[in-house]
C-alpha atoms as a PDB file:
ATOM      1  CA  UNK A   1    -162.664   7.704-124.440  1.00  0.00           C
ATOM      2  CA  UNK A   2    -161.532   9.185-121.264  1.00  0.00           C
ATOM      3  CA  UNK A   3    -165.097   9.376-120.054  1.00  0.00           C
ATOM      4  CA  UNK A   4    -165.196   5.579-120.343  1.00  0.00           C
ATOM      5  CA  UNK A   5    -161.955   4.927-118.683  1.00  0.00           C
ATOM      6  CA  UNK A   6    -162.727   6.744-115.686  1.00  0.00           C
ATOM      7  CA  UNK A   7    -165.526   4.085-114.433  1.00  0.00           C
ATOM      8  CA  UNK A   8    -163.408   1.326-115.473  1.00  0.00           C
ATOM      9  CA  UNK A   9    -160.595   2.516-113.231  1.00  0.00           C
ATOM     10  CA  UNK A  10    -163.047   3.423-110.715  1.00  0.00           C
ATOM     11  CA  UNK A  11    -164.720  -0.069-110.619  1.00  0.00           C
ATOM     12  CA  UNK A  12    -161.110  -1.815-110.553  1.00  0.00           C
ATOM     13  CA  UNK A  13    -160.235   0.130-107.331  1.00  0.00           C
ATOM     14  CA  UNK A  14    -163.431  -0.981-106.033  1.00  0.00           C
ATOM     15  CA  UNK A  15    -162.966  -4.572-106.856  1.00  0.00           C
ATOM     16  CA  UNK A  16    -159.110  -4.284-105.635  1.00  0.00           C
ATOM     17  CA  UNK A  17    -160.537  -3.145-102.199  1.00  0.00           C
ATOM     18  CA  UNK A  18    -163.154  -5.786-101.975  1.00  0.00           C
ATOM     19  CA  UNK A  19    -160.425  -8.701-102.579  1.00  0.00           C
ATOM     20  CA  UNK A  20    -158.179  -6.648 -99.689  1.00  0.00           C
ATOM     21  CA  UNK A  21    -161.073  -6.894 -97.281  1.00  0.00           C
ATOM     22  CA  UNK A  22    -161.813 -10.632 -98.018  1.00  0.00           C
ATOM     23  CA  UNK A  23    -158.222 -11.370 -97.808  1.00  0.00           C
ATOM     24  CA  UNK A  24    -157.977  -9.691 -94.254  1.00  0.00           C
ATOM     25  CA  UNK A  25    -160.984 -11.355 -93.105  1.00  0.00           C
ATOM     26  CA  UNK A  26    -159.391 -14.828 -93.899  1.00  0.00           C
ATOM     27  CA  UNK A  27    -156.410 -14.007 -92.455  1.00  0.00           C
ATOM     28  CA  UNK A  28    -157.856 -13.160 -89.165  1.00  0.00           C
ATOM     29  CA  UNK A  29    -160.223 -16.238 -89.476  1.00  0.00           C
ATOM     30  CA  UNK A  30    -156.875 -18.170 -89.672  1.00  0.00           C
ATOM     31  CA  UNK A  31    -155.443 -16.556 -86.756  1.00  0.00           C
ATOM     32  CA  UNK A  32    -158.089 -16.963 -84.422  1.00  0.00           C
ATOM     33  CA  UNK A  33    -158.399 -20.835 -85.592  1.00  0.00           C
ATOM     34  CA  UNK A  34    -154.747 -21.087 -85.028  1.00  0.00           C
ATOM     35  CA  UNK A  35    -155.263 -19.598 -81.254  1.00  0.00           C
ATOM     36  CA  UNK A  36    -158.052 -21.585 -80.395  1.00  0.00           C
ATOM     37  CA  UNK A  37    -156.402 -24.911 -81.744  1.00  0.00           C
ATOM     38  CA  UNK A  38    -153.004 -23.804 -79.643  1.00  0.00           C
ATOM     39  CA  UNK A  39    -155.292 -23.231 -76.700  1.00  0.00           C
ATOM     40  CA  UNK A  40    -157.219 -26.275 -76.850  1.00  0.00           C
ATOM     41  CA  UNK A  41    -154.437 -28.479 -77.468  1.00  0.00           C
ATOM     42  CA  UNK A  42    -152.549 -27.207 -74.284  1.00  0.00           C
ATOM     43  CA  UNK A  43    -155.590 -28.144 -72.185  1.00  0.00           C
ATOM     44  CA  UNK A  44    -156.565 -31.219 -73.691  1.00  0.00           C
ATOM     45  CA  UNK A  45    -153.288 -33.150 -73.716  1.00  0.00           C
ATOM     46  CA  UNK A  46    -155.037 -36.545 -73.072  1.00  0.00           C
ATOM     47  CA  UNK A  47    -157.220 -36.258 -76.495  1.00  0.00           C
ATOM     48  CA  UNK A  48    -154.180 -35.559 -78.690  1.00  0.00           C
ATOM     49  CA  UNK A  49    -155.323 -37.742 -81.532  1.00  0.00           C
ATOM     50  CA  UNK A  50    -158.772 -36.066 -81.730  1.00  0.00           C
ATOM     51  CA  UNK A  51    -157.135 -32.768 -81.736  1.00  0.00           C
ATOM     52  CA  UNK A  52    -154.941 -33.692 -84.429  1.00  0.00           C
ATOM     53  CA  UNK A  53    -157.539 -34.984 -86.677  1.00  0.00           C
ATOM     54  CA  UNK A  54    -159.445 -31.855 -85.970  1.00  0.00           C
ATOM     55  CA  UNK A  55    -156.252 -29.655 -87.136  1.00  0.00           C
ATOM     56  CA  UNK A  56    -156.032 -31.578 -89.997  1.00  0.00           C
ATOM     57  CA  UNK A  57    -159.510 -30.878 -91.097  1.00  0.00           C
ATOM     58  CA  UNK A  58    -158.883 -27.142 -90.357  1.00  0.00           C
ATOM     59  CA  UNK A  59    -155.749 -27.214 -92.270  1.00  0.00           C
ATOM     60  CA  UNK A  60    -157.636 -28.874 -95.288  1.00  0.00           C
ATOM     61  CA  UNK A  61    -160.243 -26.071 -94.983  1.00  0.00           C
ATOM     62  CA  UNK A  62    -157.888 -23.513 -95.036  1.00  0.00           C
ATOM     63  CA  UNK A  63    -155.993 -25.009 -97.978  1.00  0.00           C
ATOM     64  CA  UNK A  64    -159.492 -24.798 -99.911  1.00  0.00           C
ATOM     65  CA  UNK A  65    -160.211 -21.317 -98.996  1.00  0.00           C
ATOM     66  CA  UNK A  66    -156.605 -20.810 -99.996  1.00  0.00           C
ATOM     67  CA  UNK A  67    -157.303 -22.045-103.200  1.00  0.00           C
ATOM     68  CA  UNK A  68    -160.436 -20.229-103.740  1.00  0.00           C
ATOM     69  CA  UNK A  69    -158.809 -16.953-103.199  1.00  0.00           C
ATOM     70  CA  UNK A  70    -156.156 -17.577-105.184  1.00  0.00           C
ATOM     71  CA  UNK A  71    -158.632 -18.633-108.254  1.00  0.00           C
ATOM     72  CA  UNK A  72    -160.398 -15.445-107.238  1.00  0.00           C
ATOM     73  CA  UNK A  73    -157.021 -13.429-107.744  1.00  0.00           C
ATOM     74  CA  UNK A  74    -156.350 -15.025-111.106  1.00  0.00           C
ATOM     75  CA  UNK A  75    -159.661 -14.334-112.308  1.00  0.00           C
ATOM     76  CA  UNK A  76    -159.388 -10.758-111.072  1.00  0.00           C
ATOM     77  CA  UNK A  77    -155.875 -10.602-112.797  1.00  0.00           C
ATOM     78  CA  UNK A  78    -157.637 -12.259-115.931  1.00  0.00           C
ATOM     79  CA  UNK A  79    -160.457  -9.520-115.916  1.00  0.00           C
ATOM     80  CA  UNK A  80    -158.022  -6.618-115.716  1.00  0.00           C
ATOM     81  CA  UNK A  81    -155.764  -7.985-118.623  1.00  0.00           C
ATOM     82  CA  UNK A  82    -159.057  -8.282-120.645  1.00  0.00           C
ATOM     83  CA  UNK A  83    -159.939  -4.707-119.426  1.00  0.00           C
ATOM     84  CA  UNK A  84    -156.295  -3.338-120.318  1.00  0.00           C
ATOM     85  CA  UNK A  85    -156.598  -5.009-123.766  1.00  0.00           C
ATOM     86  CA  UNK A  86    -159.959  -3.888-124.710  1.00  0.00           C
ATOM     87  CA  UNK A  87    -160.029  -0.023-123.481  1.00  0.00           C
ATOM     88  CA  UNK A  88    -159.797   0.667-126.854  1.00  0.00           C
ATOM     89  CA  UNK A  89    -163.249  -0.594-127.637  1.00  0.00           C
ATOM     90  CA  UNK A  90    -166.972   0.829-126.888  1.00  0.00           C
ATOM     91  CA  UNK A  91    -168.238   1.421-123.459  1.00  0.00           C
ATOM     92  CA  UNK A  92    -170.947  -0.577-123.555  1.00  0.00           C
ATOM     93  CA  UNK A  93    -169.345  -3.917-124.127  1.00  0.00           C
ATOM     94  CA  UNK A  94    -166.603  -2.776-121.744  1.00  0.00           C
ATOM     95  CA  UNK A  95    -169.523  -1.803-119.204  1.00  0.00           C
ATOM     96  CA  UNK A  96    -170.946  -5.461-119.848  1.00  0.00           C
ATOM     97  CA  UNK A  97    -168.004  -7.258-119.002  1.00  0.00           C
ATOM     98  CA  UNK A  98    -167.252  -5.465-115.892  1.00  0.00           C
ATOM     99  CA  UNK A  99    -170.589  -6.069-114.633  1.00  0.00           C
ATOM    100  CA  UNK A 100    -170.445  -9.752-115.620  1.00  0.00           C
ATOM    101  CA  UNK A 101    -167.171  -9.622-113.687  1.00  0.00           C
ATOM    102  CA  UNK A 102    -168.439  -7.872-110.540  1.00  0.00           C
ATOM    103  CA  UNK A 103    -171.483 -10.236-110.568  1.00  0.00           C
ATOM    104  CA  UNK A 104    -169.146 -13.308-110.829  1.00  0.00           C
ATOM    105  CA  UNK A 105    -167.037 -11.973-107.888  1.00  0.00           C
ATOM    106  CA  UNK A 106    -170.061 -11.159-105.789  1.00  0.00           C
ATOM    107  CA  UNK A 107    -171.420 -14.758-106.252  1.00  0.00           C
ATOM    108  CA  UNK A 108    -167.948 -16.112-105.169  1.00  0.00           C
ATOM    109  CA  UNK A 109    -167.661 -13.905-102.277  1.00  0.00           C
ATOM    110  CA  UNK A 110    -171.541 -15.022-101.287  1.00  0.00           C
ATOM    111  CA  UNK A 111    -170.016 -18.809-101.622  1.00  0.00           C
ATOM    112  CA  UNK A 112    -167.045 -18.093 -99.863  1.00  0.00           C
ATOM    113  CA  UNK A 113    -168.995 -16.275 -96.853  1.00  0.00           C
ATOM    114  CA  UNK A 114    -171.516 -18.938 -96.843  1.00  0.00           C
ATOM    115  CA  UNK A 115    -168.742 -21.948 -96.542  1.00  0.00           C
ATOM    116  CA  UNK A 116    -166.709 -19.732 -93.892  1.00  0.00           C
ATOM    117  CA  UNK A 117    -169.991 -19.681 -91.830  1.00  0.00           C
ATOM    118  CA  UNK A 118    -170.511 -23.429 -92.196  1.00  0.00           C
ATOM    119  CA  UNK A 119    -166.773 -24.137 -91.326  1.00  0.00           C
ATOM    120  CA  UNK A 120    -167.131 -21.970 -88.468  1.00  0.00           C
ATOM    121  CA  UNK A 121    -170.424 -23.827 -87.272  1.00  0.00           C
ATOM    122  CA  UNK A 122    -168.523 -27.208 -87.823  1.00  0.00           C
ATOM    123  CA  UNK A 123    -165.390 -26.113 -86.008  1.00  0.00           C
ATOM    124  CA  UNK A 124    -167.616 -25.194 -82.993  1.00  0.00           C
ATOM    125  CA  UNK A 125    -169.565 -28.217 -82.944  1.00  0.00           C
ATOM    126  CA  UNK A 126    -166.324 -30.069 -82.760  1.00  0.00           C
ATOM    127  CA  UNK A 127    -164.911 -27.880 -80.317  1.00  0.00           C
ATOM    128  CA  UNK A 128    -168.051 -28.521 -78.232  1.00  0.00           C
ATOM    129  CA  UNK A 129    -167.682 -32.137 -78.660  1.00  0.00           C
ATOM    130  CA  UNK A 130    -163.956 -31.792 -77.563  1.00  0.00           C
ATOM    131  CA  UNK A 131    -164.723 -29.812 -74.279  1.00  0.00           C
ATOM    132  CA  UNK A 132    -167.557 -32.612 -73.476  1.00  0.00           C
ATOM    133  CA  UNK A 133    -165.108 -35.341 -74.055  1.00  0.00           C
ATOM    134  CA  UNK A 134    -162.446 -33.299 -71.788  1.00  0.00           C
ATOM    135  CA  UNK A 135    -165.100 -33.112 -69.148  1.00  0.00           C
ATOM    136  CA  UNK A 136    -165.499 -36.543 -69.012  1.00  0.00           C
ATOM    137  CA  UNK A 137    -161.983 -37.742 -69.109  1.00  0.00           C
ATOM    138  CA  UNK A 138    -161.513 -34.807 -66.256  1.00  0.00           C
ATOM    139  CA  UNK A 139    -164.087 -36.790 -64.232  1.00  0.00           C
ATOM    140  CA  UNK A 140    -162.734 -40.202 -65.009  1.00  0.00           C
ATOM    141  CA  UNK A 141    -159.170 -39.077 -63.954  1.00  0.00           C
ATOM    142  CA  UNK A 142    -160.729 -37.552 -60.680  1.00  0.00           C
ATOM    143  CA  UNK A 143    -162.202 -40.744 -59.833  1.00  0.00           C
ATOM    144  CA  UNK A 144    -158.949 -42.776 -60.585  1.00  0.00           C
ATOM    145  CA  UNK A 145    -157.445 -40.470 -58.305  1.00  0.00           C
ATOM    146  CA  UNK A 146    -159.818 -40.851 -55.453  1.00  0.00           C
ATOM    147  CA  UNK A 147    -159.386 -44.724 -55.940  1.00  0.00           C
ATOM    148  CA  UNK A 148    -155.535 -44.263 -56.212  1.00  0.00           C
ATOM    149  CA  UNK A 149    -155.597 -42.285 -52.634  1.00  0.00           C
ATOM    150  CA  UNK A 150    -157.818 -45.272 -50.995  1.00  0.00           C
ATOM    151  CA  UNK A 151    -155.200 -47.720 -52.346  1.00  0.00           C
ATOM    152  CA  UNK A 152    -152.227 -45.368 -50.958  1.00  0.00           C
ATOM    153  CA  UNK A 153    -154.098 -45.411 -47.445  1.00  0.00           C
ATOM    154  CA  UNK A 154    -154.391 -49.247 -47.419  1.00  0.00           C
ATOM    155  CA  UNK A 155    -150.718 -49.476 -48.289  1.00  0.00           C
ATOM    156  CA  UNK A 156    -149.568 -47.029 -45.709  1.00  0.00           C
ATOM    157  CA  UNK A 157    -151.626 -49.033 -43.221  1.00  0.00           C
ATOM    158  CA  UNK A 158    -149.984 -52.358 -44.368  1.00  0.00           C
ATOM    159  CA  UNK A 159    -146.567 -50.707 -44.521  1.00  0.00           C
ATOM    160  CA  UNK A 160    -147.089 -49.531 -40.754  1.00  0.00           C
ATOM    161  CA  UNK A 161    -148.384 -52.991 -39.901  1.00  0.00           C
ATOM    162  CA  UNK A 162    -145.104 -54.524 -41.445  1.00  0.00           C
ATOM    163  CA  UNK A 163    -142.833 -51.793 -39.651  1.00  0.00           C
ATOM    164  CA  UNK A 164    -144.127 -52.755 -36.324  1.00  0.00           C
ATOM    165  CA  UNK A 165    -143.551 -56.406 -36.852  1.00  0.00           C
ATOM    166  CA  UNK A 166    -139.813 -55.577 -38.096  1.00  0.00           C
ATOM    167  CA  UNK A 167    -139.478 -53.764 -34.982  1.00  0.00           C
ATOM    168  CA  UNK A 168    -140.207 -56.296 -32.815  1.00  0.00           C
ATOM    169  CA  UNK A 169    -137.819 -58.753 -34.630  1.00  0.00           C
ATOM    170  CA  UNK A 170    -135.258 -56.218 -34.389  1.00  0.00           C
ATOM    171  CA  UNK A 171    -135.414 -56.120 -31.038  1.00  0.00           C
ATOM    172  CA  UNK A 172    -135.248 -60.020 -30.469  1.00  0.00           C
ATOM    173  CA  UNK A 173    -132.310 -59.859 -32.705  1.00  0.00           C
ATOM    174  CA  UNK A 174    -130.665 -56.806 -30.975  1.00  0.00           C
ATOM    175  CA  UNK A 175    -129.759 -58.810 -27.877  1.00  0.00           C
ATOM    176  CA  UNK A 176    -127.548 -61.271 -29.185  1.00  0.00           C
ATOM    177  CA  UNK A 177    -126.066 -58.763 -31.353  1.00  0.00           C
ATOM    178  CA  UNK A 178    -125.104 -56.606 -28.449  1.00  0.00           C
ATOM    179  CA  UNK A 179    -123.431 -59.519 -26.842  1.00  0.00           C
ATOM    180  CA  UNK A 180    -121.443 -60.396 -30.096  1.00  0.00           C
ATOM    181  CA  UNK A 181    -120.596 -56.783 -30.150  1.00  0.00           C
ATOM    182  CA  UNK A 182    -119.259 -56.880 -26.324  1.00  0.00           C
ATOM    183  CA  UNK A 183    -117.345 -60.155 -27.127  1.00  0.00           C
ATOM    184  CA  UNK A 184    -115.890 -58.749 -30.639  1.00  0.00           C
ATOM    185  CA  UNK A 185    -114.728 -55.570 -28.452  1.00  0.00           C
ATOM    186  CA  UNK A 186    -113.088 -57.684 -25.767  1.00  0.00           C
ATOM    187  CA  UNK A 187    -111.397 -59.734 -28.456  1.00  0.00           C
ATOM    188  CA  UNK A 188    -110.432 -56.335 -30.315  1.00  0.00           C
ATOM    189  CA  UNK A 189    -108.611 -55.357 -26.977  1.00  0.00           C
ATOM    190  CA  UNK A 190    -106.867 -58.642 -26.641  1.00  0.00           C
ATOM    191  CA  UNK A 191    -105.557 -58.588 -30.334  1.00  0.00           C
ATOM    192  CA  UNK A 192    -104.325 -54.701 -29.396  1.00  0.00           C
ATOM    193  CA  UNK A 193    -102.647 -55.988 -26.685  1.00  0.00           C
ATOM    194  CA  UNK A 194    -100.785 -58.807 -28.416  1.00  0.00           C
ATOM    195  CA  UNK A 195     -99.944 -56.658 -31.242  1.00  0.00           C
ATOM    196  CA  UNK A 196     -98.413 -53.916 -28.751  1.00  0.00           C
ATOM    197  CA  UNK A 197     -96.274 -56.586 -27.144  1.00  0.00           C
ATOM    198  CA  UNK A 198     -95.304 -57.612 -30.699  1.00  0.00           C
ATOM    199  CA  UNK A 199     -94.483 -54.081 -31.697  1.00  0.00           C
ATOM    200  CA  UNK A 200     -92.196 -53.658 -28.593  1.00  0.00           C
ATOM    201  CA  UNK A 201     -90.353 -57.022 -29.656  1.00  0.00           C
ATOM    202  CA  UNK A 202     -89.751 -55.579 -32.962  1.00  0.00           C
ATOM    203  CA  UNK A 203     -88.374 -52.303 -31.718  1.00  0.00           C
ATOM    204  CA  UNK A 204     -85.928 -54.045 -29.616  1.00  0.00           C
ATOM    205  CA  UNK A 205     -84.854 -56.559 -32.236  1.00  0.00           C
ATOM    206  CA  UNK A 206     -84.456 -53.432 -34.508  1.00  0.00           C
ATOM    207  CA  UNK A 207     -82.001 -51.788 -31.687  1.00  0.00           C
ATOM    208  CA  UNK A 208     -79.815 -54.822 -31.892  1.00  0.00           C
ATOM    209  CA  UNK A 209     -79.891 -55.031 -35.651  1.00  0.00           C
ATOM    210  CA  UNK A 210     -79.041 -51.256 -35.715  1.00  0.00           C
ATOM    211  CA  UNK A 211     -76.068 -52.401 -33.210  1.00  0.00           C
ATOM    212  CA  UNK A 212     -75.171 -55.122 -35.566  1.00  0.00           C
ATOM    213  CA  UNK A 213     -75.110 -53.036 -38.690  1.00  0.00           C
ATOM    214  CA  UNK A 214     -72.934 -50.380 -37.031  1.00  0.00           C
ATOM    215  CA  UNK A 215     -70.468 -53.187 -36.171  1.00  0.00           C
ATOM    216  CA  UNK A 216     -70.764 -54.126 -39.711  1.00  0.00           C
ATOM    217  CA  UNK A 217     -70.057 -50.714 -41.048  1.00  0.00           C
ATOM    218  CA  UNK A 218     -67.052 -50.740 -38.804  1.00  0.00           C
ATOM    219  CA  UNK A 219     -65.809 -53.837 -40.168  1.00  0.00           C
ATOM    220  CA  UNK A 220     -66.411 -52.863 -43.718  1.00  0.00           C
ATOM    221  CA  UNK A 221     -64.324 -49.629 -42.954  1.00  0.00           C
ATOM    222  CA  UNK A 222     -61.430 -51.754 -41.856  1.00  0.00           C
ATOM    223  CA  UNK A 223     -61.827 -53.926 -44.958  1.00  0.00           C
ATOM    224  CA  UNK A 224     -61.442 -50.953 -47.258  1.00  0.00           C
ATOM    225  CA  UNK A 225     -58.367 -49.778 -45.201  1.00  0.00           C
ATOM    226  CA  UNK A 226     -56.533 -52.883 -45.818  1.00  0.00           C
ATOM    227  CA  UNK A 227     -57.577 -52.934 -49.447  1.00  0.00           C
ATOM    228  CA  UNK A 228     -56.390 -49.553 -49.703  1.00  0.00           C
ATOM    229  CA  UNK A 229     -52.844 -50.712 -47.981  1.00  0.00           C
ATOM    230  CA  UNK A 230     -52.822 -53.851 -50.498  1.00  0.00           C
ATOM    231  CA  UNK A 231     -53.146 -51.518 -53.355  1.00  0.00           C
ATOM    232  CA  UNK A 232     -50.440 -49.193 -52.205  1.00  0.00           C
ATOM    233  CA  UNK A 233     -47.979 -52.302 -51.405  1.00  0.00           C
ATOM    234  CA  UNK A 234     -49.039 -53.704 -55.172  1.00  0.00           C
ATOM    235  CA  UNK A 235     -48.171 -50.304 -56.734  1.00  0.00           C
ATOM    236  CA  UNK A 236     -44.675 -50.500 -54.768  1.00  0.00           C
ATOM    237  CA  UNK A 237     -44.135 -53.913 -55.872  1.00  0.00           C
ATOM    238  CA  UNK A 238     -44.658 -52.935 -59.518  1.00  0.00           C
ATOM    239  CA  UNK A 239     -42.309 -50.087 -59.275  1.00  0.00           C
ATOM    240  CA  UNK A 240     -39.635 -52.360 -58.037  1.00  0.00           C
ATOM    241  CA  UNK A 241     -40.625 -54.813 -60.835  1.00  0.00           C
ATOM    242  CA  UNK A 242     -39.787 -52.111 -62.999  1.00  0.00           C
ATOM    243  CA  UNK A 243     -36.743 -51.041 -61.332  1.00  0.00           C
ATOM    244  CA  UNK A 244     -35.581 -54.692 -61.779  1.00  0.00           C
ATOM    245  CA  UNK A 245     -36.422 -54.827 -65.188  1.00  0.00           C
ATOM    246  CA  UNK A 246     -34.254 -51.779 -65.989  1.00  0.00           C
ATOM    247  CA  UNK A 247     -31.172 -53.564 -63.980  1.00  0.00           C
ATOM    248  CA  UNK A 248     -31.716 -56.901 -65.998  1.00  0.00           C
ATOM    249  CA  UNK A 249     -31.361 -54.713 -69.269  1.00  0.00           C
ATOM    250  CA  UNK A 250     -28.147 -53.164 -68.112  1.00  0.00           C
ATOM    251  CA  UNK A 251     -26.805 -56.507 -66.932  1.00  0.00           C
ATOM    252  CA  UNK A 252     -27.569 -58.190 -70.248  1.00  0.00           C
ATOM    253  CA  UNK A 253     -26.190 -55.050 -72.200  1.00  0.00           C
ATOM    254  CA  UNK A 254     -22.930 -55.659 -70.129  1.00  0.00           C
ATOM    255  CA  UNK A 255     -22.830 -59.335 -70.047  1.00  0.00           C
ATOM    256  CA  UNK A 256     -23.233 -59.783 -73.815  1.00  0.00           C
ATOM    257  CA  UNK A 257     -19.740 -58.798 -75.157  1.00  0.00           C
ATOM    258  CA  UNK A 258     -18.198 -60.911 -72.495  1.00  0.00           C
ATOM    259  CA  UNK A 259     -20.235 -63.995 -73.355  1.00  0.00           C
ATOM    260  CA  UNK A 260     -19.520 -63.544 -76.738  1.00  0.00           C
ATOM    261  CA  UNK A 261     -15.616 -63.363 -76.326  1.00  0.00           C
ATOM    262  CA  UNK A 262     -16.041 -66.478 -74.344  1.00  0.00           C
ATOM    263  CA  UNK A 263     -18.166 -68.268 -77.098  1.00  0.00           C
ATOM    264  CA  UNK A 264     -15.229 -67.176 -79.670  1.00  0.00           C
ATOM    265  CA  UNK A 265     -12.236 -68.595 -77.488  1.00  0.00           C
ATOM    266  CA  UNK A 266     -13.821 -71.865 -76.847  1.00  0.00           C
ATOM    267  CA  UNK A 267     -12.794 -74.326 -79.571  1.00  0.00           C
ATOM    268  CA  UNK A 268     -16.310 -76.306 -79.586  1.00  0.00           C
ATOM    269  CA  UNK A 269     -18.260 -73.371 -79.898  1.00  0.00           C
ATOM    270  CA  UNK A 270     -20.397 -73.524 -82.910  1.00  0.00           C
END
């Protein structure tokens, strides 16, 4: 049994190595295809829809490859599970299964290689067509640029003619403009002299107003002094009225008994 297990393990190791090598080759192809796609999209900005369609086709091809690899891995796992379950059986049946599995793996890997070669050829053809279309677009853009340069030269000539005409018109308009400017300057000087005379008159009037305000402030001071004297006189009058009220109280207090006695003496008094 030990002798039978050794060839099975070695065969399994060989199959794992083959799968790893196929995975590496597939990943390298993916990376190379990604680099090519990125390089072309950067240079072919004018043909973006074509590039997008090519990238979608490449993505579909990659997905199909990934599906094939995943199916292969599943088949290998199933084969290893079958091998691990049937290790106790005879070596001849085990070897037959392994040979069948190897044959299936070889067939599938051969199909994958053929498909990858065909896909690479298709991609190369597509990129060639893209490069041709890009060159055509480049030539067309160069022609358009040259045509635009000619149009710009014509526009510049037309603009130079228009500028010459405008300069002639400006020269004709400049003479009356200068005359109007001189008249405006003279009028401005006249207005300034009038404003200066008005300001001088205003300053004189302001001096008179200051004098009048000073006299008003003096009169207001006299009025405040008179009001203060009136206030003091009113205070004195209030004091005298208070004293008079006191004297009236004393008088009523002294006269009241005499008046009462006289009332009692008079026969007609009530």
